[in-house]
Structure formats: structure tokens, C-alpha cells
Protein backbone atom coordinates (compact mmCIF):
# COMPACT_ATOMS: atom_id res chain seq x y z
CA MET A 1 -101.86 -12.22 -2.02
CA LYS A 2 -98.20 -13.03 -1.75
CA GLN A 3 -95.74 -10.56 -0.34
CA TYR A 4 -92.19 -10.59 -1.62
CA ILE A 5 -89.45 -9.66 0.83
CA LEU A 6 -86.12 -8.61 -0.76
CA ASN A 7 -83.28 -10.77 0.34
CA LYS A 8 -80.53 -8.89 2.16
CA LYS A 9 -77.82 -10.37 -0.02
CA TYR A 10 -79.41 -8.66 -3.05
CA TRP A 11 -80.12 -5.40 -1.30
CA ALA A 12 -76.50 -4.52 -0.52
CA PRO A 13 -75.20 -4.37 -4.11
CA ILE A 14 -78.28 -2.54 -5.30
CA ALA A 15 -77.79 0.08 -2.60
CA PHE A 16 -74.08 0.40 -3.50
CA LEU A 17 -74.89 0.93 -7.18
CA GLY A 18 -77.40 3.59 -6.22
CA MET A 19 -74.84 5.39 -4.12
CA MET A 20 -72.29 5.27 -6.97
CA CYS A 21 -74.81 6.74 -9.37
CA CYS A 22 -75.53 9.56 -6.95
CA ALA A 23 -71.82 10.18 -6.42
CA LEU A 24 -71.16 10.29 -10.15
CA LEU A 25 -74.09 12.62 -10.58
CA PHE A 26 -72.74 15.01 -7.95
CA THR A 27 -69.17 14.72 -9.26
CA SER A 28 -70.39 15.46 -12.75
CA CYS A 29 -72.17 18.49 -11.46
CA ASP A 30 -69.10 19.58 -9.49
CA ASN A 31 -66.74 19.22 -12.50
CA SER A 32 -69.24 21.01 -14.66
CA ASP A 33 -69.36 23.82 -12.14
CA SER A 34 -65.53 23.91 -11.88
CA ALA A 35 -65.14 23.97 -15.64
CA SER A 36 -67.44 26.96 -15.70
CA LYS A 37 -65.59 28.91 -13.04
CA THR A 38 -63.56 31.94 -14.01
CA ILE A 39 -59.90 31.46 -13.14
CA VAL A 40 -58.55 34.39 -11.15
CA VAL A 41 -54.81 34.92 -10.60
CA SER A 42 -53.76 36.96 -7.59
CA LYS A 43 -50.02 36.30 -7.13
CA VAL A 44 -47.09 34.41 -8.67
CA PHE A 45 -44.26 32.96 -6.60
CA LEU A 46 -40.85 31.69 -7.70
CA GLU A 47 -40.03 28.28 -6.22
CA ASP A 48 -36.28 28.00 -5.63
CA VAL A 49 -35.07 25.70 -2.87
CA ASN A 50 -31.51 27.02 -3.28
CA SER A 51 -32.50 30.61 -2.57
CA ALA A 52 -32.56 32.32 0.80
CA VAL A 53 -36.20 33.03 -0.06
CA PRO A 54 -37.42 29.72 -1.54
CA ASP A 55 -40.99 30.95 -2.11
CA ARG A 56 -40.76 34.53 -3.35
CA GLU A 57 -43.47 36.66 -4.97
CA VAL A 58 -42.22 37.78 -8.40
CA SER A 59 -43.24 39.85 -11.38
CA PHE A 60 -41.42 37.71 -13.97
CA VAL A 61 -40.06 34.22 -14.51
CA ARG A 62 -37.18 32.83 -16.59
CA LEU A 63 -37.25 29.79 -18.83
CA GLY A 64 -36.65 26.62 -16.83
CA GLN A 65 -37.83 28.06 -13.53
CA THR A 66 -40.70 26.73 -11.41
CA ILE A 67 -43.53 28.97 -10.24
CA ARG A 68 -46.51 28.67 -7.91
CA ILE A 69 -49.55 30.61 -9.04
CA GLU A 70 -52.14 31.63 -6.46
CA GLY A 71 -55.75 32.50 -7.15
CA SER A 72 -59.00 30.62 -7.53
CA GLY A 73 -60.86 28.42 -9.99
CA PHE A 74 -57.98 26.15 -11.03
CA THR A 75 -59.94 22.93 -10.43
CA GLY A 76 -60.81 21.39 -13.77
CA LEU A 77 -57.94 23.17 -15.55
CA LYS A 78 -57.29 21.58 -18.94
CA LYS A 79 -54.53 23.64 -20.61
CA VAL A 80 -51.87 26.23 -19.76
CA TYR A 81 -50.21 28.30 -22.48
CA ILE A 82 -47.14 30.41 -21.67
CA ASN A 83 -46.33 32.90 -24.40
CA GLY A 84 -48.63 30.78 -26.54
CA TYR A 85 -46.67 27.58 -25.84
CA SER A 86 -48.64 24.63 -24.45
CA THR A 87 -47.02 23.97 -21.09
CA TYR A 88 -47.15 20.66 -19.23
CA PHE A 89 -48.47 20.60 -15.68
CA ASN A 90 -49.08 17.76 -13.24
CA VAL A 91 -52.65 17.63 -11.93
CA VAL A 92 -51.26 16.47 -8.58
CA PHE A 93 -49.97 20.04 -8.12
CA VAL A 94 -53.29 21.68 -8.93
CA SER A 95 -55.85 22.73 -6.35
CA ASP A 96 -58.68 25.17 -6.64
CA ASN A 97 -56.48 27.93 -5.20
CA SER A 98 -53.05 27.22 -6.72
CA ILE A 99 -51.02 25.49 -9.38
CA ILE A 100 -47.30 24.67 -9.52
CA LEU A 101 -45.62 24.33 -12.91
CA SER A 102 -42.26 24.76 -14.64
CA VAL A 103 -41.68 27.05 -17.60
CA SER A 104 -40.35 24.95 -20.46
CA ALA A 105 -36.98 25.85 -21.95
CA ASP A 106 -38.74 25.63 -25.34
CA THR A 107 -41.06 28.52 -24.52
CA PRO A 108 -40.63 31.36 -27.04
CA THR A 109 -39.80 34.82 -25.67
CA ILE A 110 -39.10 37.66 -28.11
CA GLU A 111 -40.09 35.41 -31.01
CA ALA A 112 -43.52 34.73 -29.52
CA ASP A 113 -46.60 36.12 -31.26
CA PRO A 114 -46.99 39.70 -29.98
CA ALA A 115 -50.53 38.88 -28.84
CA ASP A 116 -49.24 36.00 -26.72
CA ARG A 117 -45.98 37.42 -25.47
CA ASN A 118 -45.66 37.89 -21.71
CA THR A 119 -48.91 36.11 -20.97
CA ILE A 120 -50.04 32.95 -19.21
CA ARG A 121 -53.35 31.61 -20.56
CA PHE A 122 -55.43 29.18 -18.48
CA VAL A 123 -58.08 27.11 -20.26
CA ASN A 124 -60.82 24.84 -18.94
CA ASP A 125 -63.87 23.42 -20.69
CA ASN A 126 -65.99 26.56 -20.78
CA THR A 127 -63.78 29.53 -19.89
CA GLU A 128 -60.27 30.83 -20.22
CA THR A 129 -58.24 33.53 -18.50
CA VAL A 130 -55.25 35.43 -19.86
CA PHE A 131 -52.90 36.75 -17.16
CA PRO A 132 -50.23 39.32 -18.18
CA PHE A 133 -46.88 38.19 -16.81
CA GLN A 134 -43.32 38.79 -18.01
CA ILE A 135 -41.47 35.76 -19.39
CA ARG A 136 -37.70 36.11 -19.73
CA ALA A 137 -35.06 33.91 -21.31
CA SER A 138 -31.84 33.04 -19.46
CA ARG A 139 -29.88 35.73 -17.67
CA PRO A 140 -28.02 38.10 -20.02
CA ALA A 141 -24.22 38.11 -19.92
CA ILE A 142 -21.51 40.40 -21.31
CA ASN A 143 -18.46 38.63 -22.69
CA GLY A 144 -16.61 41.50 -24.35
CA ILE A 145 -16.64 45.10 -25.56
CA SER A 146 -15.16 46.14 -28.90
CA ASN A 147 -13.34 49.13 -27.39
CA THR A 148 -13.19 49.77 -23.65
CA MET A 149 -11.60 53.22 -23.92
CA PRO A 150 -13.36 54.93 -26.86
CA ASN A 151 -13.69 58.62 -27.57
CA PRO A 152 -17.06 60.20 -26.70
CA GLY A 153 -19.36 59.97 -29.69
CA GLU A 154 -17.88 56.69 -30.93
CA LYS A 155 -20.04 53.61 -31.31
CA ILE A 156 -19.02 50.45 -29.47
CA THR A 157 -20.28 46.88 -29.73
CA VAL A 158 -21.00 44.85 -26.60
CA VAL A 159 -21.05 41.08 -27.16
CA GLY A 160 -22.48 38.30 -25.02
CA SER A 161 -25.68 36.31 -24.68
CA GLY A 162 -29.28 37.14 -23.84
CA LEU A 163 -28.72 40.78 -24.80
CA THR A 164 -32.15 41.25 -26.37
CA GLU A 165 -34.02 44.53 -26.59
CA ILE A 166 -31.46 46.50 -24.57
CA SER A 167 -33.21 49.65 -23.39
CA LYS A 168 -30.64 51.17 -21.03
CA VAL A 169 -26.86 51.27 -20.67
CA VAL A 170 -25.28 52.85 -17.60
CA PHE A 171 -21.63 53.88 -18.01
CA PRO A 172 -19.16 54.47 -15.15
CA GLY A 173 -20.03 57.67 -13.35
CA ASN A 174 -23.73 56.76 -13.53
CA VAL A 175 -24.09 58.15 -17.05
CA ALA A 176 -27.19 56.50 -18.50
CA VAL A 177 -27.99 56.10 -22.20
CA THR A 178 -31.52 55.10 -23.22
CA SER A 179 -31.60 56.00 -26.91
CA GLY A 180 -29.64 55.04 -30.01
CA ILE A 181 -29.15 51.46 -28.81
CA THR A 182 -29.37 48.77 -31.49
CA SER A 183 -29.83 45.17 -30.34
CA ASP A 184 -29.21 41.93 -32.19
CA PRO A 185 -32.47 39.90 -32.39
CA ASP A 186 -30.56 36.81 -31.23
CA GLY A 187 -29.15 38.67 -28.23
CA GLU A 188 -25.51 38.13 -29.17
CA PHE A 189 -24.58 41.83 -29.21
CA PHE A 190 -25.80 45.41 -29.13
CA THR A 191 -24.30 48.74 -30.14
CA VAL A 192 -24.33 51.99 -28.20
CA THR A 193 -22.58 55.36 -28.50
CA MET A 194 -20.03 56.43 -25.90
CA PRO A 195 -21.50 59.46 -24.09
CA ASN A 196 -19.71 62.44 -22.58
CA GLY A 197 -18.94 62.53 -18.88
CA VAL A 198 -17.91 58.90 -18.34
CA SER A 199 -15.72 58.57 -15.24
CA ASP A 200 -11.95 58.23 -15.78
CA ILE A 201 -11.85 55.89 -12.80
CA GLY A 202 -13.84 53.55 -14.99
CA GLY A 203 -15.70 50.45 -13.95
CA SER A 204 -18.45 48.22 -15.29
CA LEU A 205 -21.17 48.84 -17.84
CA PHE A 206 -24.63 47.97 -16.58
CA VAL A 207 -27.28 47.08 -19.15
CA GLU A 208 -31.00 46.39 -18.99
CA GLY A 209 -33.05 44.53 -21.58
CA SER A 210 -35.98 42.20 -21.97
CA ASN A 211 -34.06 39.46 -20.15
CA GLY A 212 -33.10 41.66 -17.22
CA GLY A 213 -29.82 43.27 -16.19
CA ALA A 214 -26.13 42.43 -16.55
CA TYR A 215 -22.74 43.93 -15.71
CA SER A 216 -19.55 43.90 -17.73
CA PRO A 217 -16.17 43.33 -16.08
CA ALA A 218 -14.89 46.48 -14.37
CA TYR A 219 -12.54 47.39 -17.21
CA PHE A 220 -14.39 50.13 -19.04
CA ASN A 221 -12.55 53.49 -19.35
CA PHE A 222 -10.13 52.60 -16.54
CA LYS A 223 -7.65 55.37 -17.22
CA LYS A 224 -6.09 55.01 -13.77
CA GLY A 225 -4.61 51.78 -15.08
CA LEU A 226 -2.77 53.29 -18.05
CA LEU A 227 0.86 52.16 -18.25
CA LEU A 228 1.57 54.03 -21.48
CA ASN A 229 -0.54 55.98 -23.97
CA PHE A 230 2.31 57.98 -25.59
CA ASP A 231 0.46 61.18 -24.68
CA GLY A 232 1.50 61.78 -21.09
CA SER A 233 0.11 58.79 -19.21
CA GLY A 234 3.14 56.69 -18.41
CA SER A 235 6.60 57.33 -19.81
CA HIS A 236 8.02 55.96 -23.05
CA GLY A 237 11.43 54.36 -22.48
CA TYR A 238 14.11 54.11 -25.21
CA TRP A 239 17.87 53.86 -25.46
CA GLY A 240 20.68 53.09 -27.87
CA THR A 241 20.63 53.28 -31.65
CA SER A 242 19.62 49.75 -32.65
CA THR A 243 17.20 49.37 -35.53
CA SER A 244 14.78 47.51 -33.30
CA MET A 245 14.31 50.27 -30.70
CA ILE A 246 11.21 52.41 -31.16
CA GLN A 247 12.31 56.01 -30.62
CA PRO A 248 10.04 59.04 -30.04
CA ALA A 249 10.51 59.99 -33.70
CA ASP A 250 8.98 56.64 -34.69
CA LEU A 251 5.66 57.37 -32.98
CA GLU A 252 2.80 58.44 -35.21
CA SER A 253 -0.09 60.83 -34.63
CA ALA A 254 -2.09 61.08 -37.87
CA ALA A 255 -5.74 60.20 -37.31
CA ILE A 256 -6.31 56.61 -38.44
CA GLY A 257 -9.12 54.10 -38.04
CA ALA A 258 -12.81 54.20 -38.91
CA GLY A 259 -15.55 54.22 -36.29
CA THR A 260 -13.13 54.24 -33.38
CA VAL A 261 -10.19 56.45 -34.32
CA SER A 262 -6.71 56.97 -32.92
CA GLN A 263 -6.15 59.06 -29.81
CA GLY A 264 -3.12 61.34 -30.15
CA LYS A 265 0.18 59.49 -30.50
CA TYR A 266 0.44 55.71 -30.92
CA VAL A 267 3.10 53.17 -31.83
CA ALA A 268 3.59 51.49 -35.19
CA HIS A 269 5.26 48.16 -34.52
CA ARG A 270 6.76 48.38 -37.98
CA PRO A 271 7.77 52.05 -38.13
CA ALA A 272 7.95 53.79 -41.50
CA ARG A 273 11.74 53.47 -41.61
CA ILE A 274 11.45 49.66 -41.85
CA ALA A 275 10.06 48.50 -45.21
CA SER A 276 9.39 44.89 -44.17
CA PHE A 277 10.39 42.16 -41.75
CA ASP A 278 12.44 39.13 -42.75
CA ALA A 279 11.29 35.62 -41.90
CA ALA A 280 12.76 33.63 -39.00
CA LYS A 281 13.68 36.71 -36.98
CA ASN A 282 12.81 37.75 -33.42
CA ARG A 283 12.84 41.06 -31.54
CA LEU A 284 12.55 42.95 -34.81
CA THR A 285 11.15 46.00 -33.05
CA GLU A 286 10.69 46.78 -29.34
CA VAL A 287 8.84 49.49 -27.47
CA TRP A 288 9.08 50.00 -23.71
CA THR A 289 7.87 51.91 -20.70
CA ALA A 290 10.52 53.89 -18.78
CA GLY A 291 10.94 51.24 -16.09
CA ASN A 292 13.10 51.65 -12.97
CA GLY A 293 12.30 54.67 -10.82
CA VAL A 294 9.31 55.58 -12.99
CA ASP A 295 6.99 52.57 -13.28
CA ASN A 296 5.42 51.74 -9.92
CA TRP A 297 2.59 49.31 -10.41
CA ARG A 298 1.99 48.81 -6.71
CA ALA A 299 1.47 52.50 -5.99
CA GLN A 300 -0.48 53.14 -9.19
CA LEU A 301 -2.71 50.09 -9.35
CA THR A 302 -3.33 48.55 -5.93
CA PRO A 303 -5.66 51.35 -4.76
CA TYR A 304 -8.01 50.00 -7.46
CA ILE A 305 -6.86 46.38 -7.90
CA PRO A 306 -5.81 44.89 -4.53
CA ALA A 307 -2.63 42.84 -4.50
CA ASN A 308 -4.55 39.77 -3.32
CA THR A 309 -6.79 39.76 -6.40
CA PRO A 310 -6.69 36.36 -8.16
CA LEU A 311 -4.61 36.66 -11.31
CA ASP A 312 -7.44 35.49 -13.56
CA LYS A 313 -9.26 38.68 -12.48
CA VAL A 314 -6.48 41.01 -13.64
CA ALA A 315 -5.64 41.67 -17.29
CA PHE A 316 -3.41 43.58 -19.64
CA GLN A 317 -5.45 45.54 -22.18
CA PHE A 318 -4.39 47.49 -25.22
CA ASP A 319 -6.05 48.98 -28.25
CA ILE A 320 -4.99 47.69 -31.65
CA TYR A 321 -5.48 48.78 -35.24
CA VAL A 322 -4.61 46.49 -38.16
CA PRO A 323 -5.80 48.12 -41.40
CA ASN A 324 -4.81 45.26 -43.73
CA ALA A 325 -5.09 41.48 -43.45
CA TRP A 326 -2.58 40.00 -41.01
CA LYS A 327 -2.09 36.25 -41.40
CA ASP A 328 0.46 33.48 -41.77
CA SER A 329 3.35 35.18 -39.96
CA GLY A 330 4.35 37.53 -37.15
CA PHE A 331 3.21 38.11 -33.57
CA LEU A 332 3.51 40.52 -30.66
CA LYS A 333 5.48 39.41 -27.61
CA ILE A 334 4.26 41.13 -24.45
CA CYS A 335 7.05 41.31 -21.86
CA THR A 336 6.36 42.04 -18.18
CA ILE A 337 10.00 43.06 -17.63
CA ASN A 338 13.04 43.76 -19.81
CA ASN A 339 14.85 40.45 -19.59
CA PHE A 340 13.98 38.54 -22.77
CA ASN A 341 15.99 38.02 -25.93
CA GLY A 342 13.09 37.07 -28.20
CA GLY A 343 11.59 33.79 -29.32
CA GLU A 344 10.43 32.71 -25.85
CA TRP A 345 7.25 30.69 -25.31
CA THR A 346 7.92 30.40 -21.58
CA GLY A 347 8.40 32.80 -18.71
CA ALA A 348 6.63 36.04 -17.85
CA VAL A 349 5.61 36.80 -21.44
CA TYR A 350 2.63 36.24 -23.68
CA ASN A 351 2.71 35.91 -27.46
CA PHE A 352 -0.29 37.50 -29.16
CA VAL A 353 -1.05 35.67 -32.43
CA PRO A 354 -4.54 36.80 -33.46
CA TRP A 355 -4.47 35.20 -36.90
CA ILE A 356 -4.37 31.62 -35.58
CA VAL A 357 -8.00 30.60 -35.07
CA ASP A 358 -9.03 26.99 -34.37
CA GLY A 359 -5.63 25.81 -35.51
CA LYS A 360 -5.72 27.60 -38.85
CA SER A 361 -4.37 30.84 -40.29
CA VAL A 362 -7.27 33.28 -40.59
CA ALA A 363 -6.84 36.91 -41.61
CA PHE A 364 -7.02 39.34 -38.70
CA GLN A 365 -8.02 42.89 -39.60
CA THR A 366 -9.83 45.77 -37.91
CA THR A 367 -11.76 48.70 -39.36
CA GLY A 368 -11.09 50.83 -36.30
CA TRP A 369 -9.27 50.57 -33.00
CA THR A 370 -10.39 47.59 -30.98
CA THR A 371 -9.47 46.41 -27.48
CA VAL A 372 -7.50 43.25 -26.72
CA THR A 373 -7.83 41.75 -23.23
CA ILE A 374 -5.25 39.24 -21.97
CA PRO A 375 -5.75 37.94 -18.40
CA LEU A 376 -2.41 37.89 -16.57
CA ASN A 377 -2.85 34.19 -15.79
CA LYS A 378 -2.42 33.57 -19.54
CA PHE A 379 1.20 34.70 -19.32
CA TYR A 380 3.22 31.51 -19.48
CA ALA A 381 4.95 31.84 -16.10
CA TRP A 382 1.63 32.02 -14.28
CA SER A 383 -0.60 29.79 -16.40
CA LYS A 384 -0.11 26.44 -14.65
CA GLU A 385 -1.45 27.20 -11.17
CA ALA A 386 -3.34 29.84 -9.22
CA PHE A 387 -1.55 33.10 -8.40
CA THR A 388 -2.54 36.55 -7.19
CA PHE A 389 -1.65 39.99 -8.49
CA GLU A 390 0.95 40.16 -5.71
CA THR A 391 3.00 37.56 -7.61
CA VAL A 392 3.30 39.87 -10.62
CA LEU A 393 3.99 42.96 -8.51
CA ALA A 394 6.77 41.19 -6.60
CA TYR A 395 8.22 39.73 -9.81
CA ARG A 396 8.51 43.17 -11.38
CA GLU A 397 9.89 44.76 -8.22
CA ALA A 398 12.64 42.12 -8.06
CA ALA A 399 13.64 42.63 -11.70
CA THR A 400 16.87 44.36 -12.66
CA TYR A 401 15.12 46.16 -15.51
CA GLN A 402 11.48 46.95 -14.73
CA ASN A 403 10.45 48.15 -18.19
CA PHE A 404 7.21 46.72 -19.61
CA GLY A 405 7.30 46.28 -23.38
CA ILE A 406 6.17 44.70 -26.63
CA TYR A 407 8.31 43.08 -29.33
CA PHE A 408 7.29 42.38 -32.91
CA GLU A 409 8.59 38.91 -33.75
CA ASN A 410 8.51 36.91 -36.98
CA SER A 411 9.77 33.42 -36.25
CA ASP A 412 8.25 30.00 -36.96
CA ILE A 413 5.28 29.08 -34.77
CA LYS A 414 4.34 25.67 -33.42
CA LEU A 415 0.62 25.32 -32.82
CA LYS A 416 1.23 23.43 -29.58
CA ASP A 417 2.93 26.55 -28.19
CA VAL A 418 -0.13 28.63 -28.98
CA THR A 419 -2.78 26.24 -27.68
CA GLY A 420 -0.85 24.40 -24.98
CA THR A 421 -2.02 21.06 -26.36
CA ALA A 422 -0.17 18.46 -28.43
CA SER A 423 -0.01 19.15 -32.16
CA GLU A 424 2.38 18.59 -35.04
CA VAL A 425 1.12 21.66 -36.92
CA GLU A 426 3.63 24.41 -37.62
CA PHE A 427 3.41 27.80 -39.30
CA PRO A 428 6.70 28.58 -41.07
CA SER A 429 7.46 32.28 -40.95
CA LYS A 430 7.34 34.48 -44.03
CA ALA A 431 8.60 37.94 -44.83
CA THR A 432 5.89 40.45 -43.99
CA ALA A 433 5.15 44.15 -44.28
CA VAL A 434 2.06 44.05 -42.07
CA LYS A 435 1.06 47.25 -40.27
CA VAL A 436 0.19 46.79 -36.61
CA TYR A 437 -0.50 49.75 -34.33
CA THR A 438 -1.16 49.76 -30.58
CA ASP A 439 -2.04 52.36 -27.95
CA ASN A 440 -3.44 52.76 -24.44
CA TRP A 441 -1.54 49.98 -22.71
CA ARG A 442 -3.22 49.37 -19.36
CA ILE A 443 -3.80 46.99 -16.47
CA VAL A 444 -7.47 46.44 -15.66
CA SER A 445 -9.72 44.51 -13.32
CA LEU A 446 -11.84 41.64 -14.63
CA ASN A 447 -14.04 41.55 -11.54
CA THR A 448 -17.70 41.57 -12.54
CA PRO A 449 -20.38 42.76 -10.12
CA THR A 450 -23.09 40.22 -9.42
CA TYR A 451 -26.51 41.13 -10.71
CA ASN A 452 -29.32 39.78 -8.57
CA ASP A 453 -32.81 39.51 -10.02
CA PHE A 454 -34.21 39.93 -6.54
CA PRO A 455 -32.01 42.13 -4.33
CA ASN A 456 -32.83 41.73 -0.66
């Protein structure tokens, strides 16, 4: 009987194939086991190389951020859904105990299905796990407030971005409001009622919503900064008998405005004794503070706004009421001292022309009193380079006449003077009987406290 001996050169490949089959068999079993494992999440960490804590345990994440999720059972992971949105992940960054992934900017937040919102769902072949976890959009920001010195009980509108589902507003003096807040679904604004007890020293609003917290600039209810309110804060200056000079008898006090109403006396920049303004005229009316020996900005303001504050962080604010459409002609000239003849588009003045929008004449009108904020670095003398508040203080102190005032002017306007960029567009002046009222002239701080998601 013949015996057959297997040649070594044939044995090697056969053995290799057998080993591969065994390996595949075990791998198949291992993947099958992994796909059957329950995924357990224990912790979530924010990965931020620019932070002092680059790997920080967190309870929420924002769109665009990268997180590391710790737990077990991630091997064999097939899908991740954040707020119901299928989220890409790289298998290189997956182990059985962790996964690193970035939250897509396309992930829905408040518009997500309620059943999916604030969840991360992990899916493998045979099981899935839903982990509750808060998903936020970008940081909220406050860009403006409709009236920064309202009466208690009046409703104000706060505008910005990311202001969704605002649940709390803290006013200066730590006065918190948690009810009666109405938020825009797109996060562009919310409304809230001014409570009693807000500090007269003023400061920032702090708000909390579904995207976290945000501060406003520190200009809310800053009554320490009042230059003139025609009711005892500051002194009204006047002299002579010219038609242009606003005298005490020209001030008005009847309650006007809807929603946010007038506060005591205020100035009509076209007083009742003037039926209308002619075209091509400047300095048609003027209203002033008392000036020398009375106005002392350094003593009044620097305890709250240091002299070394950058000028883009200091502003002139006033409240305005325009009951009928204002367009095509007329503007307010804001004068930091009494040394201007009218018509200037240079120097320490600023011309407020609210009806020119994107190079066109658009009607400006208010239903109630609203706040205008003009950073001092927008005044023409200080708009070309960086200055501090000290520059303005010293300029006023060196002036012969230290009155602060506002003209109503009605001359032709060149668009290039308004925008500071080249343009051939002009707005020829027209006769006008527009009614423009202002009150509560004040200097305020534009400093905004920094809100940190993760205070140390």
C-alpha cells in the first residue's frame, strides 16, 4: 500500500488559509458580540485646545464644537444621531471606551423634533442607546435694547442673536424676571417688562436662554450719567432772544408716546411757536446744557467710566420720539461744546440722520420713546484713530464755552458725509414740519462683561 507524504511547499499555504478562516471566524464572532453590546455613556468632555482646560467634562455642547464621549460598548458603532441629525464620525477615533466627534453646524436645535431634542443616539447592528444631553446653538449676543431707561412696567425689546427661549433676565441691582418674557423663535429678539427696584447706578442686563447666557453693554438705567433730563438732572442752559434758542417755556410735559411714554419734561426740537422749517437752513433750533461752572464731566462720570476707557466703549445716549414719518430732510447735530455755527460735518460733532438707510431715504418713526446710542468715536473729530475718554474730557475742559447741545438743521446732505465713503448721491433739503422730541441725554459705558460657559 502506498503512503502519500504531503509536500512542504503545499502545506504552508494550506495552513495559512486555515489560520485565516479561523481568524475570520473569531473576528465575525467578536463583531457580532460588539454589535450586540449595550452602549453605555458615563461622561462627555469638551475638546478645546485653545482653552486653559482643553479636556473639560461638560453638560452641554454647542454647534461646531468637538466632544469626547466616555463609556463602553462603542466598538461596532454604525450611526450617531445628534438631535435626530445623522452625524459623521471617523472610526479611527472610536474605541470600545470612547468616541471623539464634532457636532455639525447643520444640527437642529430648537427646531428639532421634541422627541429627539437634546439627545445623542448611538446605533449599532442590534442595539441603540439614547443619551440625554443638551445641544446649544452659537453663543447668544445682545446688540441693542429699545429703551435703556424705561419706566417700571414698560415693555422693552432686546435685540441680538441666539436669544431663543429666554427664561430669565437679571436687571441691574440683581432684580430677576422669570415670567412674561416673549422670545422670537429665530432668536433675534425678546421682550420683557421693566420691573421695579432696578438700580439707578445701572449696568448690564444678564439673560439666560436655551443657548446659554449673555450680557448687554453696561448702559441700562445708568442715571448717574445723565447730562440733562429737563427734570432736575443736569441744568438747561439758555440765553438771548433768538428764535433758535429753546427756552424753558418751549419745553413740553404732556404725556406722549405709546408703550414707552414720556418722563416729565422733554424738548421739542421744533417747538410749537415754529410752524415749519425752511429748506437749506442750519441751526434752526438749539438746546443746551448750562456749561461752564455747572457741567463737570470728569467729576460726574469718571467714578463710573474711567478716563482711560477706549472711546469706542463710551457713548452718548438719548431717548427719542418721532410720532410721524421723518424722511427726506432734516437732522440733529450733536455738539460736544458750544463752538459751532451749523452745517459742519467735521470736528467734535455728530449729525444724526436716521432716515438715511443703505443710501436711501426711508421713513423713520417711533410708536414710543426709543433709545439712540452713538459711540463717541463716531464723532468726526475722533473717528479716524484710537482715542480714550480722556481726550473728550480734556477737549471740553479746554473749551471757552462748555455747553453740550443739539441743533436741528435742515440743509442739503451729501451721502459721502453720512457714510464716510465716496458717493455722488445727494439729498436736497426740503421744508419740513417734522416733530422730533428728545429726553434723557446721557453718557454711558459700552463695556460688556464677558460671559464664560465654564467659569473656573
